[in-house]
């Protein structure tokens, strides 16, 4: 199970604790080797609902990593998109503008998606650390609930 926190009003918030680890092959194909949690637990396949660890520290670690990586990946991809647009223009100035911007445009869309994921992870990180430090989420009393199936 993922970390589940219940706010005083009864709303339950779930936070992932597991992330995938994989490799790129020579053909630029990405495959997942395993799914892991910061506590050291590993799964060969993506864990089903209820199989993830429920460690608060694992959820905080994952949210922090996604929060840190989002803006960095965004900047990197935007620089790549700009460089690609300039390079395409320099290589062949006869290319129509719309064609010259297709690949950089797709990269820019991916960059914004990654940035949004990072911002959302930052919100999760703030909630989780507030719960760890104060026992609240956005100033409202919360408690961790565990699946007892």
N, C-alpha and C. Protein backbone atom coordinates (compact mmCIF):
# COMPACT_ATOMS: atom_id res chain seq x y z
N UNK A 1 0.84 -1.16 0.00
CA UNK A 1 0.00 0.00 0.00
C UNK A 1 0.89 1.23 0.00
N UNK A 2 0.42 2.25 -0.62
CA UNK A 2 1.11 3.53 -0.56
C UNK A 2 0.81 4.18 0.78
N UNK A 3 1.47 5.27 1.06
CA UNK A 3 1.19 6.01 2.29
C UNK A 3 -0.19 6.66 2.13
N UNK A 4 -1.04 6.46 3.13
CA UNK A 4 -2.36 7.05 3.12
C UNK A 4 -2.53 7.91 4.37
N UNK A 5 -2.85 9.17 4.15
CA UNK A 5 -3.07 10.09 5.26
C UNK A 5 -4.52 10.55 5.23
N UNK A 6 -5.17 10.46 6.38
CA UNK A 6 -6.56 10.89 6.49
C UNK A 6 -6.60 12.23 7.21
N UNK A 7 -7.21 13.21 6.54
CA UNK A 7 -7.36 14.53 7.11
C UNK A 7 -8.58 14.51 8.03
N UNK A 8 -8.60 15.41 8.99
CA UNK A 8 -9.67 15.45 10.00
C UNK A 8 -11.07 15.44 9.37
N UNK A 9 -11.25 16.06 8.20
CA UNK A 9 -12.57 16.08 7.56
C UNK A 9 -12.96 14.72 6.98
N UNK A 10 -12.04 13.78 6.98
CA UNK A 10 -12.33 12.44 6.46
C UNK A 10 -11.73 12.14 5.10
N UNK A 11 -11.22 13.15 4.42
CA UNK A 11 -10.61 12.95 3.10
C UNK A 11 -9.31 12.15 3.25
N UNK A 12 -9.11 11.19 2.36
CA UNK A 12 -7.89 10.37 2.38
C UNK A 12 -7.00 10.78 1.21
N UNK A 13 -5.74 11.06 1.50
CA UNK A 13 -4.75 11.39 0.48
C UNK A 13 -3.77 10.24 0.38
N UNK A 14 -3.48 9.81 -0.87
CA UNK A 14 -2.54 8.71 -1.10
C UNK A 14 -1.28 9.24 -1.75
N UNK A 15 -0.14 8.71 -1.32
CA UNK A 15 1.16 9.13 -1.82
C UNK A 15 1.95 7.90 -2.23
N UNK A 16 2.46 7.91 -3.46
CA UNK A 16 3.26 6.79 -3.96
C UNK A 16 4.58 6.69 -3.20
N UNK A 17 5.09 5.46 -3.09
CA UNK A 17 6.37 5.23 -2.43
C UNK A 17 7.35 4.49 -3.34
N UNK A 18 6.88 4.03 -4.49
CA UNK A 18 7.66 3.15 -5.36
C UNK A 18 7.92 3.83 -6.70
N UNK A 19 9.12 3.65 -7.23
CA UNK A 19 9.46 4.19 -8.54
C UNK A 19 10.17 3.11 -9.34
N UNK A 20 10.19 3.29 -10.67
CA UNK A 20 10.79 2.29 -11.54
C UNK A 20 12.26 2.61 -11.82
N UNK A 21 13.02 1.55 -11.97
CA UNK A 21 14.43 1.66 -12.33
C UNK A 21 14.63 0.84 -13.58
N UNK A 22 15.24 1.44 -14.59
CA UNK A 22 15.41 0.72 -15.86
C UNK A 22 16.63 1.18 -16.60
N UNK A 23 16.71 0.74 -17.84
CA UNK A 23 17.86 1.03 -18.70
C UNK A 23 17.40 1.29 -20.12
N UNK A 24 18.23 1.98 -20.88
CA UNK A 24 18.02 2.12 -22.31
C UNK A 24 18.84 1.05 -23.01
N UNK A 25 18.26 0.44 -24.04
CA UNK A 25 19.02 -0.53 -24.83
C UNK A 25 19.74 0.23 -25.92
N UNK A 26 20.49 -0.48 -26.73
CA UNK A 26 21.22 0.15 -27.83
C UNK A 26 20.30 0.78 -28.86
N UNK A 27 19.04 0.33 -28.91
CA UNK A 27 18.08 0.86 -29.87
C UNK A 27 17.24 1.99 -29.29
N UNK A 28 17.71 2.59 -28.23
CA UNK A 28 17.01 3.65 -27.52
C UNK A 28 15.65 3.19 -26.98
N UNK A 29 15.54 1.93 -26.65
CA UNK A 29 14.33 1.38 -26.05
C UNK A 29 14.53 1.33 -24.55
N UNK A 30 13.60 1.88 -23.81
CA UNK A 30 13.69 1.90 -22.35
C UNK A 30 12.91 0.72 -21.80
N UNK A 31 13.51 0.00 -20.91
CA UNK A 31 12.78 -1.08 -20.25
C UNK A 31 13.00 -0.98 -18.74
N UNK A 32 11.99 -1.40 -18.00
CA UNK A 32 12.03 -1.34 -16.55
C UNK A 32 12.65 -2.61 -16.01
N UNK A 33 13.73 -2.47 -15.23
CA UNK A 33 14.35 -3.61 -14.58
C UNK A 33 13.56 -4.05 -13.35
N UNK A 34 13.16 -3.06 -12.57
CA UNK A 34 12.50 -3.36 -11.31
C UNK A 34 11.83 -2.10 -10.78
N UNK A 35 11.02 -2.30 -9.78
CA UNK A 35 10.38 -1.22 -9.05
C UNK A 35 10.96 -1.24 -7.65
N UNK A 36 11.32 -0.07 -7.13
CA UNK A 36 11.99 -0.02 -5.84
C UNK A 36 11.39 1.08 -4.96
N UNK A 37 11.60 0.92 -3.67
CA UNK A 37 11.26 1.94 -2.69
C UNK A 37 12.56 2.34 -2.00
N UNK A 38 12.59 3.51 -1.44
CA UNK A 38 13.81 4.01 -0.79
C UNK A 38 14.26 3.13 0.37
N UNK A 39 13.34 2.39 0.98
CA UNK A 39 13.68 1.53 2.12
C UNK A 39 14.46 0.29 1.69
N UNK A 40 14.54 0.04 0.38
CA UNK A 40 15.29 -1.10 -0.11
C UNK A 40 14.43 -2.22 -0.68
N UNK A 41 13.13 -2.15 -0.49
CA UNK A 41 12.26 -3.18 -1.05
C UNK A 41 12.25 -3.08 -2.57
N UNK A 42 12.17 -4.22 -3.23
CA UNK A 42 12.17 -4.27 -4.69
C UNK A 42 11.10 -5.23 -5.19
N UNK A 43 10.57 -4.91 -6.38
CA UNK A 43 9.60 -5.76 -7.04
C UNK A 43 10.01 -5.92 -8.49
N UNK A 44 9.88 -7.12 -9.02
CA UNK A 44 10.21 -7.36 -10.43
C UNK A 44 9.19 -6.67 -11.34
N UNK A 45 7.92 -6.76 -10.97
CA UNK A 45 6.85 -6.10 -11.72
C UNK A 45 6.27 -4.98 -10.87
N UNK A 46 5.53 -4.08 -11.52
CA UNK A 46 4.92 -2.98 -10.78
C UNK A 46 4.03 -3.55 -9.68
N UNK A 47 4.23 -3.12 -8.44
CA UNK A 47 3.42 -3.66 -7.35
C UNK A 47 1.95 -3.30 -7.52
N UNK A 48 1.12 -4.27 -7.20
CA UNK A 48 -0.32 -4.03 -7.25
C UNK A 48 -0.73 -3.16 -6.07
N UNK A 49 -1.94 -2.64 -6.16
CA UNK A 49 -2.46 -1.82 -5.06
C UNK A 49 -2.39 -2.62 -3.77
N UNK A 50 -1.83 -2.03 -2.76
CA UNK A 50 -1.72 -2.70 -1.47
C UNK A 50 -0.39 -3.41 -1.26
N UNK A 51 0.43 -3.52 -2.30
CA UNK A 51 1.73 -4.20 -2.17
C UNK A 51 2.89 -3.25 -1.93
N UNK A 52 2.71 -1.96 -2.22
CA UNK A 52 3.78 -1.00 -1.99
C UNK A 52 4.05 -0.89 -0.49
N UNK A 53 5.23 -0.38 -0.17
CA UNK A 53 5.50 -0.14 1.25
C UNK A 53 4.68 1.07 1.71
N UNK A 54 4.50 1.21 3.00
CA UNK A 54 3.73 2.33 3.53
C UNK A 54 4.59 3.22 4.43
N UNK A 55 5.86 3.32 4.08
CA UNK A 55 6.80 4.13 4.88
C UNK A 55 6.70 5.60 4.48
N UNK A 56 6.48 6.44 5.44
CA UNK A 56 6.40 7.88 5.20
C UNK A 56 7.70 8.40 4.59
N UNK A 57 8.84 7.92 5.06
CA UNK A 57 10.13 8.37 4.52
C UNK A 57 10.29 8.02 3.04
N UNK A 58 9.74 6.88 2.61
CA UNK A 58 9.81 6.50 1.19
C UNK A 58 8.97 7.44 0.34
N UNK A 59 7.80 7.84 0.82
CA UNK A 59 6.95 8.77 0.10
C UNK A 59 7.61 10.15 0.02
N UNK A 60 8.23 10.58 1.12
CA UNK A 60 8.91 11.87 1.14
C UNK A 60 10.08 11.86 0.16
N UNK A 61 10.86 10.78 0.16
CA UNK A 61 12.01 10.66 -0.74
C UNK A 61 11.56 10.77 -2.20
N UNK A 62 10.52 10.02 -2.57
CA UNK A 62 10.06 10.01 -3.95
C UNK A 62 9.55 11.40 -4.36
N UNK A 63 8.77 12.04 -3.51
CA UNK A 63 8.24 13.38 -3.83
C UNK A 63 9.39 14.38 -3.97
N UNK A 64 10.40 14.26 -3.11
CA UNK A 64 11.54 15.18 -3.18
C UNK A 64 12.33 14.99 -4.48
N UNK A 65 12.54 13.74 -4.87
CA UNK A 65 13.27 13.47 -6.11
C UNK A 65 12.53 14.01 -7.32
N UNK A 66 11.21 13.81 -7.37
CA UNK A 66 10.42 14.31 -8.49
C UNK A 66 10.37 15.84 -8.47
N UNK A 67 10.31 16.42 -7.29
CA UNK A 67 10.29 17.88 -7.16
C UNK A 67 11.61 18.48 -7.65
N UNK A 68 12.72 17.88 -7.29
CA UNK A 68 14.03 18.38 -7.71
C UNK A 68 14.26 18.18 -9.20
N UNK A 69 13.83 17.04 -9.71
CA UNK A 69 14.10 16.70 -11.10
C UNK A 69 13.26 17.46 -12.10
N UNK A 70 12.04 17.85 -11.74
CA UNK A 70 11.14 18.52 -12.68
C UNK A 70 11.71 19.80 -13.28
N UNK A 71 12.07 20.78 -12.46
CA UNK A 71 12.60 22.02 -13.01
C UNK A 71 13.93 21.85 -13.75
N UNK A 72 14.78 20.96 -13.26
CA UNK A 72 16.07 20.72 -13.92
C UNK A 72 15.86 20.12 -15.30
N UNK A 73 14.98 19.13 -15.41
CA UNK A 73 14.69 18.50 -16.70
C UNK A 73 14.02 19.50 -17.63
N UNK A 74 13.16 20.36 -17.08
CA UNK A 74 12.49 21.38 -17.89
C UNK A 74 13.51 22.29 -18.56
N UNK A 75 14.42 22.83 -17.78
CA UNK A 75 15.44 23.74 -18.33
C UNK A 75 16.28 23.02 -19.37
N UNK A 76 16.70 21.80 -19.07
CA UNK A 76 17.52 21.02 -20.01
C UNK A 76 16.78 20.82 -21.33
N UNK A 77 15.52 20.41 -21.27
CA UNK A 77 14.77 20.14 -22.50
C UNK A 77 14.47 21.42 -23.29
N UNK A 78 14.24 22.52 -22.59
CA UNK A 78 14.01 23.79 -23.31
C UNK A 78 15.28 24.21 -24.04
N UNK A 79 16.43 24.06 -23.41
CA UNK A 79 17.70 24.38 -24.07
C UNK A 79 17.89 23.49 -25.30
N UNK A 80 17.59 22.20 -25.17
CA UNK A 80 17.70 21.27 -26.30
C UNK A 80 16.75 21.70 -27.42
N UNK A 81 15.52 22.07 -27.09
CA UNK A 81 14.54 22.49 -28.10
C UNK A 81 15.01 23.74 -28.85
N UNK A 82 15.53 24.70 -28.12
CA UNK A 82 16.03 25.93 -28.76
C UNK A 82 17.22 25.61 -29.66
N UNK A 83 18.14 24.81 -29.14
CA UNK A 83 19.31 24.43 -29.93
C UNK A 83 18.90 23.67 -31.20
N UNK A 84 17.90 22.80 -31.07
CA UNK A 84 17.45 22.04 -32.23
C UNK A 84 16.81 22.96 -33.27
N UNK A 85 16.01 23.93 -32.83
CA UNK A 85 15.39 24.86 -33.77
C UNK A 85 16.45 25.68 -34.50
N UNK A 86 17.45 26.14 -33.77
CA UNK A 86 18.53 26.92 -34.39
C UNK A 86 19.31 26.04 -35.36
N UNK A 87 19.63 24.83 -34.94
CA UNK A 87 20.39 23.92 -35.79
C UNK A 87 19.61 23.58 -37.07
N UNK A 88 18.33 23.32 -36.96
CA UNK A 88 17.53 23.03 -38.16
C UNK A 88 17.50 24.23 -39.09
N UNK A 89 17.44 25.43 -38.55
CA UNK A 89 17.44 26.64 -39.37
C UNK A 89 18.78 26.81 -40.07
N UNK A 90 19.86 26.57 -39.34
CA UNK A 90 21.20 26.74 -39.91
C UNK A 90 21.47 25.69 -40.99
N UNK A 91 21.04 24.46 -40.76
CA UNK A 91 21.29 23.38 -41.72
C UNK A 91 20.57 23.64 -43.03
N UNK A 92 19.31 24.03 -42.96
CA UNK A 92 18.55 24.23 -44.19
C UNK A 92 17.53 25.34 -43.98
N UNK A 93 17.85 26.52 -44.47
CA UNK A 93 16.98 27.67 -44.26
C UNK A 93 15.74 27.62 -45.14
N UNK A 94 15.67 26.65 -46.03
CA UNK A 94 14.50 26.54 -46.91
C UNK A 94 13.36 25.77 -46.24
N UNK A 95 13.63 25.16 -45.10
CA UNK A 95 12.58 24.41 -44.40
C UNK A 95 11.51 25.40 -43.94
N UNK A 96 10.26 25.05 -44.16
CA UNK A 96 9.18 25.91 -43.69
C UNK A 96 9.21 25.97 -42.17
N UNK A 97 8.81 27.10 -41.65
CA UNK A 97 8.85 27.34 -40.21
C UNK A 97 8.09 26.28 -39.43
N UNK A 98 6.93 25.88 -39.91
CA UNK A 98 6.13 24.91 -39.18
C UNK A 98 6.87 23.56 -39.06
N UNK A 99 7.55 23.14 -40.11
CA UNK A 99 8.29 21.89 -40.06
C UNK A 99 9.52 22.00 -39.18
N UNK A 100 10.11 23.19 -39.18
CA UNK A 100 11.30 23.40 -38.38
C UNK A 100 10.98 23.38 -36.88
N UNK A 101 9.74 23.65 -36.53
CA UNK A 101 9.37 23.73 -35.13
C UNK A 101 8.65 22.49 -34.60
N UNK A 102 8.43 21.49 -35.44
CA UNK A 102 7.71 20.30 -34.98
C UNK A 102 8.48 19.58 -33.88
N UNK A 103 9.73 19.18 -34.12
CA UNK A 103 10.49 18.46 -33.10
C UNK A 103 10.76 19.31 -31.86
N UNK A 104 11.22 20.55 -32.04
CA UNK A 104 11.40 21.38 -30.84
C UNK A 104 10.08 21.60 -30.10
N UNK A 105 8.98 21.70 -30.83
CA UNK A 105 7.68 21.88 -30.19
C UNK A 105 7.27 20.69 -29.34
N UNK A 106 7.51 19.50 -29.85
CA UNK A 106 7.20 18.28 -29.09
C UNK A 106 8.08 18.23 -27.83
N UNK A 107 9.35 18.55 -27.98
CA UNK A 107 10.25 18.55 -26.83
C UNK A 107 9.79 19.58 -25.80
N UNK A 108 9.32 20.72 -26.26
CA UNK A 108 8.83 21.76 -25.35
C UNK A 108 7.58 21.28 -24.60
N UNK A 109 6.69 20.59 -25.29
CA UNK A 109 5.50 20.05 -24.62
C UNK A 109 5.89 19.04 -23.54
N UNK A 110 6.84 18.18 -23.86
CA UNK A 110 7.32 17.21 -22.87
C UNK A 110 7.96 17.94 -21.69
N UNK A 111 8.71 18.99 -21.98
CA UNK A 111 9.35 19.77 -20.91
C UNK A 111 8.31 20.37 -19.97
N UNK A 112 7.23 20.91 -20.53
CA UNK A 112 6.19 21.49 -19.66
C UNK A 112 5.48 20.41 -18.86
N UNK A 113 5.27 19.25 -19.45
CA UNK A 113 4.67 18.13 -18.72
C UNK A 113 5.54 17.76 -17.52
N UNK A 114 6.84 17.65 -17.74
CA UNK A 114 7.76 17.30 -16.66
C UNK A 114 7.78 18.39 -15.59
N UNK A 115 7.71 19.64 -16.00
CA UNK A 115 7.68 20.74 -15.04
C UNK A 115 6.42 20.66 -14.17
N UNK A 116 5.28 20.38 -14.78
CA UNK A 116 4.03 20.27 -14.03
C UNK A 116 4.10 19.12 -13.04
N UNK A 117 4.65 17.98 -13.48
CA UNK A 117 4.81 16.84 -12.58
C UNK A 117 5.70 17.23 -11.40
N UNK A 118 6.75 17.98 -11.67
CA UNK A 118 7.65 18.43 -10.60
C UNK A 118 6.96 19.37 -9.63
N UNK A 119 6.11 20.26 -10.14
CA UNK A 119 5.38 21.20 -9.27
C UNK A 119 4.40 20.44 -8.38
N UNK A 120 3.70 19.48 -8.95
CA UNK A 120 2.75 18.66 -8.18
C UNK A 120 3.51 17.87 -7.11
N UNK A 121 4.68 17.32 -7.48
CA UNK A 121 5.50 16.59 -6.52
C UNK A 121 5.96 17.52 -5.40
N UNK A 122 6.24 18.77 -5.71
CA UNK A 122 6.62 19.74 -4.69
C UNK A 122 5.51 19.96 -3.68
N UNK A 123 4.27 19.99 -4.16
CA UNK A 123 3.13 20.13 -3.26
C UNK A 123 3.02 18.89 -2.36
N UNK A 124 3.19 17.69 -2.96
CA UNK A 124 3.15 16.46 -2.17
C UNK A 124 4.27 16.46 -1.13
N UNK A 125 5.46 16.89 -1.54
CA UNK A 125 6.60 16.95 -0.62
C UNK A 125 6.29 17.87 0.56
N UNK A 126 5.72 19.03 0.27
CA UNK A 126 5.37 19.97 1.34
C UNK A 126 4.34 19.36 2.30
N UNK A 127 3.33 18.69 1.75
CA UNK A 127 2.31 18.06 2.59
C UNK A 127 2.92 16.97 3.47
N UNK A 128 3.75 16.13 2.86
CA UNK A 128 4.34 15.02 3.61
C UNK A 128 5.29 15.50 4.71
N UNK A 129 6.11 16.48 4.41
CA UNK A 129 7.03 16.97 5.44
C UNK A 129 6.27 17.72 6.54
N UNK A 130 5.19 18.41 6.18
CA UNK A 130 4.38 19.06 7.21
C UNK A 130 3.74 18.00 8.12
N UNK A 131 3.27 16.91 7.51
CA UNK A 131 2.69 15.84 8.32
C UNK A 131 3.75 15.22 9.24
N UNK A 132 4.93 14.97 8.68
CA UNK A 132 6.02 14.39 9.48
C UNK A 132 6.39 15.30 10.65
N UNK A 133 6.48 16.59 10.39
CA UNK A 133 6.96 17.53 11.40
C UNK A 133 5.88 18.00 12.37
N UNK A 134 4.64 18.15 11.88
CA UNK A 134 3.60 18.75 12.73
C UNK A 134 2.36 17.88 12.91
N UNK A 135 2.23 16.81 12.11
CA UNK A 135 1.03 15.98 12.21
C UNK A 135 -0.18 16.59 11.53
N UNK A 136 0.07 17.58 10.63
CA UNK A 136 -1.02 18.24 9.92
C UNK A 136 -0.73 18.26 8.42
N UNK A 137 -1.79 18.51 7.64
CA UNK A 137 -1.65 18.77 6.21
C UNK A 137 -2.39 20.06 5.95
N UNK A 138 -1.68 21.06 5.46
CA UNK A 138 -2.24 22.39 5.23
C UNK A 138 -2.94 22.92 6.49
N UNK A 139 -2.33 22.66 7.64
CA UNK A 139 -2.85 23.16 8.91
C UNK A 139 -3.98 22.35 9.51
N UNK A 140 -4.41 21.28 8.84
CA UNK A 140 -5.50 20.45 9.34
C UNK A 140 -4.93 19.15 9.89
N UNK A 141 -5.39 18.76 11.07
CA UNK A 141 -4.93 17.53 11.72
C UNK A 141 -5.10 16.35 10.76
N UNK A 142 -4.08 15.49 10.73
CA UNK A 142 -4.12 14.31 9.86
C UNK A 142 -3.51 13.12 10.60
N UNK A 143 -3.82 11.94 10.11
CA UNK A 143 -3.23 10.73 10.67
C UNK A 143 -3.01 9.71 9.57
N UNK A 144 -1.96 8.90 9.73
CA UNK A 144 -1.68 7.88 8.73
C UNK A 144 -2.55 6.68 9.01
N UNK A 145 -3.14 6.14 7.93
CA UNK A 145 -3.95 4.94 8.07
C UNK A 145 -3.27 3.81 7.36
N UNK A 146 -3.43 2.63 7.89
CA UNK A 146 -2.78 1.45 7.36
C UNK A 146 -3.86 0.45 6.94
N UNK A 147 -3.59 -0.26 5.85
CA UNK A 147 -4.51 -1.28 5.38
C UNK A 147 -4.35 -2.51 6.28
N UNK A 148 -5.43 -3.01 6.82
CA UNK A 148 -5.37 -4.16 7.71
C UNK A 148 -6.10 -5.36 7.09
N UNK A 149 -5.92 -5.53 5.78
CA UNK A 149 -6.61 -6.66 5.13
C UNK A 149 -5.91 -7.96 5.39
